[in-house]
Amino acid sequence: MTQIWLVRHGEAAASWEKDPDPGLSALGREQAERTALMLSDVVPEHARVVSSPLLRAQQTA
């Protein structure tokens, strides 16, 4: 059975108006790490990851 998991990026370091492609803030990196730990129990090891090319999405993926 195919499963699709949708994950939103962690908190960005700057607002969209100030920087169109901000990376993650310290909190955003922590959020991404916690999400990865949770998903590691349910998502197969060789799962395909598809992500936006924006920096914060890449850092979360």
N, C-alpha and C. Protein backbone atom coordinates (compact mmCIF):
# COMPACT_ATOMS: atom_id res chain seq x y z
N MET A 1 0.84 -1.18 0.00
CA MET A 1 0.00 0.00 0.00
C MET A 1 0.89 1.25 0.00
N THR A 2 0.56 2.19 -0.84
CA THR A 2 1.30 3.45 -0.92
C THR A 2 0.86 4.38 0.20
N GLN A 3 1.85 4.99 0.85
CA GLN A 3 1.57 5.99 1.88
C GLN A 3 2.23 7.29 1.47
N ILE A 4 1.56 8.39 1.75
CA ILE A 4 2.12 9.72 1.48
C ILE A 4 2.09 10.49 2.79
N TRP A 5 3.25 11.01 3.17
CA TRP A 5 3.37 11.82 4.38
C TRP A 5 3.66 13.25 3.95
N LEU A 6 2.86 14.19 4.42
CA LEU A 6 3.08 15.60 4.14
C LEU A 6 3.63 16.26 5.40
N VAL A 7 4.77 16.92 5.25
CA VAL A 7 5.42 17.57 6.38
C VAL A 7 5.71 19.01 6.01
N ARG A 8 5.32 19.91 6.85
CA ARG A 8 5.59 21.33 6.62
C ARG A 8 6.98 21.64 7.16
N HIS A 9 7.64 22.60 6.54
CA HIS A 9 8.98 22.99 6.99
C HIS A 9 8.94 23.55 8.40
N GLY A 10 10.09 23.53 9.06
CA GLY A 10 10.19 24.13 10.39
C GLY A 10 10.14 25.65 10.31
N GLU A 11 10.17 26.28 11.48
CA GLU A 11 10.10 27.74 11.55
C GLU A 11 11.25 28.38 10.77
N ALA A 12 10.92 29.36 9.95
CA ALA A 12 11.93 30.08 9.17
C ALA A 12 12.64 31.12 10.03
N ALA A 13 13.89 31.42 9.67
CA ALA A 13 14.69 32.37 10.44
C ALA A 13 14.27 33.81 10.21
N ALA A 14 13.65 34.10 9.08
CA ALA A 14 13.25 35.48 8.76
C ALA A 14 11.88 35.45 8.11
N SER A 15 11.24 36.59 8.06
CA SER A 15 9.93 36.66 7.41
C SER A 15 10.11 36.67 5.89
N TRP A 16 9.08 36.24 5.19
CA TRP A 16 9.10 36.16 3.73
C TRP A 16 9.35 37.53 3.10
N GLU A 17 8.82 38.58 3.73
CA GLU A 17 8.98 39.93 3.18
C GLU A 17 10.44 40.38 3.20
N LYS A 18 11.19 39.99 4.22
CA LYS A 18 12.59 40.40 4.36
C LYS A 18 13.54 39.54 3.54
N ASP A 19 13.22 38.25 3.41
CA ASP A 19 14.11 37.32 2.72
C ASP A 19 13.22 36.29 2.02
N PRO A 20 13.24 36.23 0.69
CA PRO A 20 12.35 35.30 -0.02
C PRO A 20 12.73 33.82 0.16
N ASP A 21 13.93 33.53 0.65
CA ASP A 21 14.34 32.14 0.83
C ASP A 21 15.14 31.98 2.13
N PRO A 22 14.50 32.24 3.29
CA PRO A 22 15.23 32.12 4.55
C PRO A 22 15.43 30.66 4.93
N GLY A 23 16.50 30.38 5.62
CA GLY A 23 16.72 29.05 6.17
C GLY A 23 15.92 28.89 7.45
N LEU A 24 16.16 27.78 8.14
CA LEU A 24 15.46 27.52 9.38
C LEU A 24 16.09 28.28 10.54
N SER A 25 15.27 28.67 11.49
CA SER A 25 15.76 29.23 12.74
C SER A 25 16.24 28.08 13.62
N ALA A 26 16.80 28.39 14.77
CA ALA A 26 17.21 27.34 15.71
C ALA A 26 16.00 26.49 16.11
N LEU A 27 14.87 27.15 16.36
CA LEU A 27 13.65 26.41 16.69
C LEU A 27 13.22 25.55 15.51
N GLY A 28 13.32 26.06 14.29
CA GLY A 28 12.95 25.30 13.11
C GLY A 28 13.80 24.05 12.93
N ARG A 29 15.10 24.16 13.22
CA ARG A 29 15.98 22.98 13.15
C ARG A 29 15.57 21.94 14.20
N GLU A 30 15.23 22.42 15.39
CA GLU A 30 14.77 21.52 16.45
C GLU A 30 13.46 20.84 16.05
N GLN A 31 12.55 21.60 15.44
CA GLN A 31 11.28 21.03 14.98
C GLN A 31 11.54 19.95 13.92
N ALA A 32 12.45 20.22 13.00
CA ALA A 32 12.76 19.25 11.94
C ALA A 32 13.37 17.98 12.54
N GLU A 33 14.25 18.13 13.51
CA GLU A 33 14.87 16.96 14.15
C GLU A 33 13.82 16.12 14.88
N ARG A 34 12.91 16.77 15.60
CA ARG A 34 11.85 16.02 16.32
C ARG A 34 10.93 15.30 15.33
N THR A 35 10.62 15.97 14.23
CA THR A 35 9.77 15.34 13.22
C THR A 35 10.46 14.14 12.60
N ALA A 36 11.75 14.27 12.31
CA ALA A 36 12.51 13.16 11.75
C ALA A 36 12.53 11.96 12.70
N LEU A 37 12.72 12.21 13.98
CA LEU A 37 12.72 11.12 14.96
C LEU A 37 11.36 10.41 14.99
N MET A 38 10.29 11.18 14.96
CA MET A 38 8.96 10.59 14.98
C MET A 38 8.71 9.77 13.72
N LEU A 39 9.08 10.32 12.57
CA LEU A 39 8.82 9.63 11.30
C LEU A 39 9.72 8.41 11.12
N SER A 40 10.88 8.39 11.76
CA SER A 40 11.80 7.26 11.59
C SER A 40 11.18 5.95 12.08
N ASP A 41 10.19 6.04 12.95
CA ASP A 41 9.51 4.84 13.45
C ASP A 41 8.44 4.32 12.51
N VAL A 42 7.96 5.15 11.59
CA VAL A 42 6.83 4.74 10.76
C VAL A 42 7.09 4.77 9.25
N VAL A 43 8.12 5.47 8.81
CA VAL A 43 8.42 5.59 7.38
C VAL A 43 9.55 4.62 7.04
N PRO A 44 9.42 3.83 5.97
CA PRO A 44 10.48 2.90 5.59
C PRO A 44 11.82 3.62 5.35
N GLU A 45 12.91 2.92 5.63
CA GLU A 45 14.25 3.51 5.53
C GLU A 45 14.56 4.05 4.13
N HIS A 46 14.10 3.38 3.10
CA HIS A 46 14.42 3.79 1.73
C HIS A 46 13.26 4.52 1.07
N ALA A 47 12.52 5.27 1.84
CA ALA A 47 11.38 6.02 1.30
C ALA A 47 11.88 7.18 0.43
N ARG A 48 11.09 7.54 -0.54
CA ARG A 48 11.42 8.67 -1.41
C ARG A 48 10.98 9.96 -0.74
N VAL A 49 11.85 10.96 -0.78
CA VAL A 49 11.54 12.27 -0.21
C VAL A 49 11.48 13.27 -1.35
N VAL A 50 10.38 14.00 -1.45
CA VAL A 50 10.21 15.04 -2.46
C VAL A 50 10.03 16.34 -1.71
N SER A 51 10.79 17.37 -2.11
CA SER A 51 10.78 18.62 -1.37
C SER A 51 10.81 19.81 -2.30
N SER A 52 10.29 20.90 -1.82
CA SER A 52 10.43 22.19 -2.50
C SER A 52 11.92 22.54 -2.59
N PRO A 53 12.32 23.32 -3.58
CA PRO A 53 13.72 23.75 -3.66
C PRO A 53 14.08 24.87 -2.68
N LEU A 54 13.09 25.42 -1.95
CA LEU A 54 13.40 26.48 -1.01
C LEU A 54 14.27 25.96 0.13
N LEU A 55 15.18 26.80 0.61
CA LEU A 55 16.17 26.41 1.61
C LEU A 55 15.54 25.80 2.85
N ARG A 56 14.52 26.43 3.41
CA ARG A 56 13.93 25.91 4.66
C ARG A 56 13.30 24.54 4.45
N ALA A 57 12.74 24.29 3.26
CA ALA A 57 12.18 22.98 2.96
C ALA A 57 13.29 21.95 2.80
N GLN A 58 14.37 22.31 2.13
CA GLN A 58 15.50 21.41 1.97
C GLN A 58 16.12 21.07 3.33
N GLN A 59 16.25 22.05 4.20
CA GLN A 59 16.82 21.81 5.52
C GLN A 59 15.91 20.90 6.35
N THR A 60 14.62 21.01 6.18
CA THR A 60 13.68 20.16 6.90
C THR A 60 13.71 18.74 6.35
N ALA A 61 13.79 18.60 5.03
CA ALA A 61 13.80 17.28 4.40
C ALA A 61 15.04 16.52 4.79
